[in-house]
């Protein structure tokens, strides 16, 4: 078991992004039914709904199995120091700091390239690791 490479992380992010787009479309349907074509792009309730959907997706998968569907495809698992799945608190911190990592133009992810343990900002902040398990070890 080793910490996941940046390339594997990005692969999982791509897969999970496709799933989140689909979930976002489903979560948007009620708003379109209410507003019709006049739905404002800056509708705060819609934006909060999409954030809650993303939060439930990531934190739910991380706490339950340690992996999202995209992460499973790339052999990745979020875990604490004792190889356990993260608590809801640690997963929530990981989610929030991952957003900050993206808002900083991805620097929180790229940080892994310089970190001695190959950890990102959200790995460090949450006390979790994103581990790579080759197929023979899954």
C-alpha atoms as a PDB file:
ATOM      1  CA  UNK A   1       0.000   0.000   0.000  1.00  0.00           C
ATOM      2  CA  UNK A   2       1.307   3.419  -0.941  1.00  0.00           C
ATOM      3  CA  UNK A   3      -0.064   6.939  -1.132  1.00  0.00           C
ATOM      4  CA  UNK A   4      -1.849   7.559  -4.415  1.00  0.00           C
ATOM      5  CA  UNK A   5      -0.033   9.342  -7.218  1.00  0.00           C
ATOM      6  CA  UNK A   6      -1.323  12.616  -8.620  1.00  0.00           C
ATOM      7  CA  UNK A   7      -2.178  10.892 -11.916  1.00  0.00           C
ATOM      8  CA  UNK A   8      -4.350   8.293 -10.147  1.00  0.00           C
ATOM      9  CA  UNK A   9      -6.055  11.037  -8.137  1.00  0.00           C
ATOM     10  CA  UNK A  10      -6.835  12.961 -11.323  1.00  0.00           C
ATOM     11  CA  UNK A  11      -8.175   9.814 -12.990  1.00  0.00           C
ATOM     12  CA  UNK A  12     -10.563   9.215 -10.092  1.00  0.00           C
ATOM     13  CA  UNK A  13     -11.558  12.893 -10.110  1.00  0.00           C
ATOM     14  CA  UNK A  14     -12.467  12.635 -13.799  1.00  0.00           C
ATOM     15  CA  UNK A  15     -14.652   9.571 -13.210  1.00  0.00           C
ATOM     16  CA  UNK A  16     -16.330  11.085 -10.147  1.00  0.00           C
ATOM     17  CA  UNK A  17     -16.903  14.365 -11.999  1.00  0.00           C
ATOM     18  CA  UNK A  18     -19.013  12.545 -14.566  1.00  0.00           C
ATOM     19  CA  UNK A  19     -21.081  10.974 -11.786  1.00  0.00           C
ATOM     20  CA  UNK A  20     -21.466  14.341 -10.023  1.00  0.00           C
ATOM     21  CA  UNK A  21     -22.630  15.984 -13.250  1.00  0.00           C
ATOM     22  CA  UNK A  22     -25.346  13.356 -13.557  1.00  0.00           C
ATOM     23  CA  UNK A  23     -26.373  13.817  -9.912  1.00  0.00           C
ATOM     24  CA  UNK A  24     -26.326  17.593 -10.387  1.00  0.00           C
ATOM     25  CA  UNK A  25     -28.654  17.309 -13.348  1.00  0.00           C
ATOM     26  CA  UNK A  26     -31.059  15.198 -11.305  1.00  0.00           C
ATOM     27  CA  UNK A  27     -30.900  17.679  -8.418  1.00  0.00           C
ATOM     28  CA  UNK A  28     -31.614  20.537 -10.842  1.00  0.00           C
ATOM     29  CA  UNK A  29     -34.811  19.027 -12.249  1.00  0.00           C
ATOM     30  CA  UNK A  30     -37.078  20.324  -9.433  1.00  0.00           C
ATOM     31  CA  UNK A  31     -35.695  23.837  -9.891  1.00  0.00           C
ATOM     32  CA  UNK A  32     -36.327  23.739 -13.627  1.00  0.00           C
ATOM     33  CA  UNK A  33     -39.862  22.514 -12.981  1.00  0.00           C
ATOM     34  CA  UNK A  34     -40.440  25.420 -10.577  1.00  0.00           C
ATOM     35  CA  UNK A  35     -38.724  28.210 -12.526  1.00  0.00           C
ATOM     36  CA  UNK A  36     -38.979  26.954 -16.100  1.00  0.00           C
ATOM     37  CA  UNK A  37     -36.781  28.790 -18.574  1.00  0.00           C
ATOM     38  CA  UNK A  38     -36.520  31.763 -16.205  1.00  0.00           C
ATOM     39  CA  UNK A  39     -34.404  29.914 -13.654  1.00  0.00           C
ATOM     40  CA  UNK A  40     -31.801  32.361 -12.342  1.00  0.00           C
ATOM     41  CA  UNK A  41     -28.212  31.081 -12.558  1.00  0.00           C
ATOM     42  CA  UNK A  42     -27.394  32.651  -9.195  1.00  0.00           C
ATOM     43  CA  UNK A  43     -30.223  30.964  -7.287  1.00  0.00           C
ATOM     44  CA  UNK A  44     -28.718  30.403  -3.837  1.00  0.00           C
ATOM     45  CA  UNK A  45     -30.956  27.455  -2.930  1.00  0.00           C
ATOM     46  CA  UNK A  46     -29.953  25.660  -6.141  1.00  0.00           C
ATOM     47  CA  UNK A  47     -26.253  26.276  -5.483  1.00  0.00           C
ATOM     48  CA  UNK A  48     -26.554  25.044  -1.891  1.00  0.00           C
ATOM     49  CA  UNK A  49     -28.452  21.978  -3.122  1.00  0.00           C
ATOM     50  CA  UNK A  50     -25.628  21.123  -5.536  1.00  0.00           C
ATOM     51  CA  UNK A  51     -23.054  21.558  -2.744  1.00  0.00           C
ATOM     52  CA  UNK A  52     -25.081  19.283  -0.442  1.00  0.00           C
ATOM     53  CA  UNK A  53     -25.319  16.658  -3.205  1.00  0.00           C
ATOM     54  CA  UNK A  54     -21.527  16.752  -3.686  1.00  0.00           C
ATOM     55  CA  UNK A  55     -20.969  16.607   0.081  1.00  0.00           C
ATOM     56  CA  UNK A  56     -23.327  13.628   0.480  1.00  0.00           C
ATOM     57  CA  UNK A  57     -21.672  11.843  -2.445  1.00  0.00           C
ATOM     58  CA  UNK A  58     -18.088  12.178  -1.233  1.00  0.00           C
ATOM     59  CA  UNK A  59     -18.527  12.040   2.537  1.00  0.00           C
ATOM     60  CA  UNK A  60     -21.079   9.242   2.250  1.00  0.00           C
ATOM     61  CA  UNK A  61     -18.811   7.044   0.141  1.00  0.00           C
ATOM     62  CA  UNK A  62     -15.686   7.859   2.153  1.00  0.00           C
ATOM     63  CA  UNK A  63     -17.321   7.028   5.489  1.00  0.00           C
ATOM     64  CA  UNK A  64     -19.079   3.912   4.251  1.00  0.00           C
ATOM     65  CA  UNK A  65     -16.459   2.188   2.075  1.00  0.00           C
ATOM     66  CA  UNK A  66     -13.491   4.553   1.884  1.00  0.00           C
ATOM     67  CA  UNK A  67     -13.887   4.879  -1.890  1.00  0.00           C
ATOM     68  CA  UNK A  68     -16.120   6.674  -4.356  1.00  0.00           C
ATOM     69  CA  UNK A  69     -16.992   4.849  -7.560  1.00  0.00           C
ATOM     70  CA  UNK A  70     -14.228   6.701  -9.413  1.00  0.00           C
ATOM     71  CA  UNK A  71     -11.730   5.840  -6.706  1.00  0.00           C
ATOM     72  CA  UNK A  72     -12.677   2.165  -6.873  1.00  0.00           C
ATOM     73  CA  UNK A  73     -11.884   2.170 -10.596  1.00  0.00           C
ATOM     74  CA  UNK A  74      -8.392   3.463  -9.880  1.00  0.00           C
ATOM     75  CA  UNK A  75      -7.728   1.242  -6.826  1.00  0.00           C
ATOM     76  CA  UNK A  76      -7.852   4.133  -4.352  1.00  0.00           C
ATOM     77  CA  UNK A  77      -9.159   4.263  -0.800  1.00  0.00           C
ATOM     78  CA  UNK A  78      -9.314   7.044   1.812  1.00  0.00           C
ATOM     79  CA  UNK A  79      -8.228   5.817   5.209  1.00  0.00           C
ATOM     80  CA  UNK A  80      -6.872   6.920   8.554  1.00  0.00           C
ATOM     81  CA  UNK A  81      -3.626   5.835  10.165  1.00  0.00           C
ATOM     82  CA  UNK A  82      -5.076   2.477  11.221  1.00  0.00           C
ATOM     83  CA  UNK A  83      -6.419   1.696   7.701  1.00  0.00           C
ATOM     84  CA  UNK A  84      -9.990   2.443   8.871  1.00  0.00           C
ATOM     85  CA  UNK A  85     -12.504   4.492   6.908  1.00  0.00           C
ATOM     86  CA  UNK A  86     -12.616   8.132   7.994  1.00  0.00           C
ATOM     87  CA  UNK A  87     -15.105   9.436  10.514  1.00  0.00           C
ATOM     88  CA  UNK A  88     -17.733  11.894   9.316  1.00  0.00           C
ATOM     89  CA  UNK A  89     -15.690  14.664  10.947  1.00  0.00           C
ATOM     90  CA  UNK A  90     -12.480  13.764   9.125  1.00  0.00           C
ATOM     91  CA  UNK A  91     -14.342  13.212   5.851  1.00  0.00           C
ATOM     92  CA  UNK A  92     -16.051  16.596   6.225  1.00  0.00           C
ATOM     93  CA  UNK A  93     -12.724  18.339   6.813  1.00  0.00           C
ATOM     94  CA  UNK A  94     -11.306  16.525   3.795  1.00  0.00           C
ATOM     95  CA  UNK A  95     -14.246  17.677   1.647  1.00  0.00           C
ATOM     96  CA  UNK A  96     -13.979  21.348   2.687  1.00  0.00           C
ATOM     97  CA  UNK A  97     -10.196  21.535   2.339  1.00  0.00           C
ATOM     98  CA  UNK A  98     -10.362  19.773  -1.052  1.00  0.00           C
ATOM     99  CA  UNK A  99     -12.606  22.617  -2.241  1.00  0.00           C
ATOM    100  CA  UNK A 100     -10.029  25.111  -0.948  1.00  0.00           C
ATOM    101  CA  UNK A 101      -7.347  23.100  -2.770  1.00  0.00           C
ATOM    102  CA  UNK A 102      -9.250  23.560  -6.039  1.00  0.00           C
ATOM    103  CA  UNK A 103     -10.009  27.228  -5.386  1.00  0.00           C
ATOM    104  CA  UNK A 104      -6.274  27.818  -4.991  1.00  0.00           C
ATOM    105  CA  UNK A 105      -5.941  26.817  -8.675  1.00  0.00           C
ATOM    106  CA  UNK A 106      -5.282  23.205  -7.728  1.00  0.00           C
ATOM    107  CA  UNK A 107      -2.255  24.051  -5.590  1.00  0.00           C
ATOM    108  CA  UNK A 108      -3.567  21.886  -2.752  1.00  0.00           C
ATOM    109  CA  UNK A 109      -3.429  18.882  -5.072  1.00  0.00           C
ATOM    110  CA  UNK A 110      -0.115  19.831  -6.708  1.00  0.00           C
ATOM    111  CA  UNK A 111       1.363  20.173  -3.218  1.00  0.00           C
ATOM    112  CA  UNK A 112       1.701  16.401  -3.288  1.00  0.00           C
ATOM    113  CA  UNK A 113       4.553  16.730  -5.780  1.00  0.00           C
ATOM    114  CA  UNK A 114       6.708  18.507  -3.148  1.00  0.00           C
ATOM    115  CA  UNK A 115       5.406  16.856   0.005  1.00  0.00           C
ATOM    116  CA  UNK A 116       7.829  14.299   1.482  1.00  0.00           C
ATOM    117  CA  UNK A 117       4.932  11.877   2.123  1.00  0.00           C
ATOM    118  CA  UNK A 118       3.090  12.662  -1.166  1.00  0.00           C
ATOM    119  CA  UNK A 119       0.143  14.157   0.742  1.00  0.00           C
ATOM    120  CA  UNK A 120      -2.212  16.916  -0.401  1.00  0.00           C
ATOM    121  CA  UNK A 121      -3.558  19.758   1.733  1.00  0.00           C
ATOM    122  CA  UNK A 122      -6.780  17.842   2.405  1.00  0.00           C
ATOM    123  CA  UNK A 123      -4.858  14.682   3.336  1.00  0.00           C
ATOM    124  CA  UNK A 124      -2.862  16.627   5.915  1.00  0.00           C
ATOM    125  CA  UNK A 125      -5.767  18.719   7.248  1.00  0.00           C
ATOM    126  CA  UNK A 126      -8.054  15.717   7.754  1.00  0.00           C
ATOM    127  CA  UNK A 127      -5.431  13.276   9.021  1.00  0.00           C
ATOM    128  CA  UNK A 128      -6.307  10.843   6.231  1.00  0.00           C
ATOM    129  CA  UNK A 129      -4.386   9.281   3.356  1.00  0.00           C
ATOM    130  CA  UNK A 130      -5.454   8.350  -0.146  1.00  0.00           C
ATOM    131  CA  UNK A 131      -3.902   4.921  -0.634  1.00  0.00           C
ATOM    132  CA  UNK A 132      -3.376   2.954  -3.810  1.00  0.00           C
ATOM    133  CA  UNK A 133      -4.082  -0.756  -3.686  1.00  0.00           C
ATOM    134  CA  UNK A 134      -3.040  -2.751  -6.761  1.00  0.00           C
ATOM    135  CA  UNK A 135      -5.653  -5.252  -7.969  1.00  0.00           C
ATOM    136  CA  UNK A 136      -3.931  -8.194  -6.292  1.00  0.00           C
ATOM    137  CA  UNK A 137      -4.324  -6.499  -2.886  1.00  0.00           C
ATOM    138  CA  UNK A 138      -7.977  -5.402  -3.168  1.00  0.00           C
END
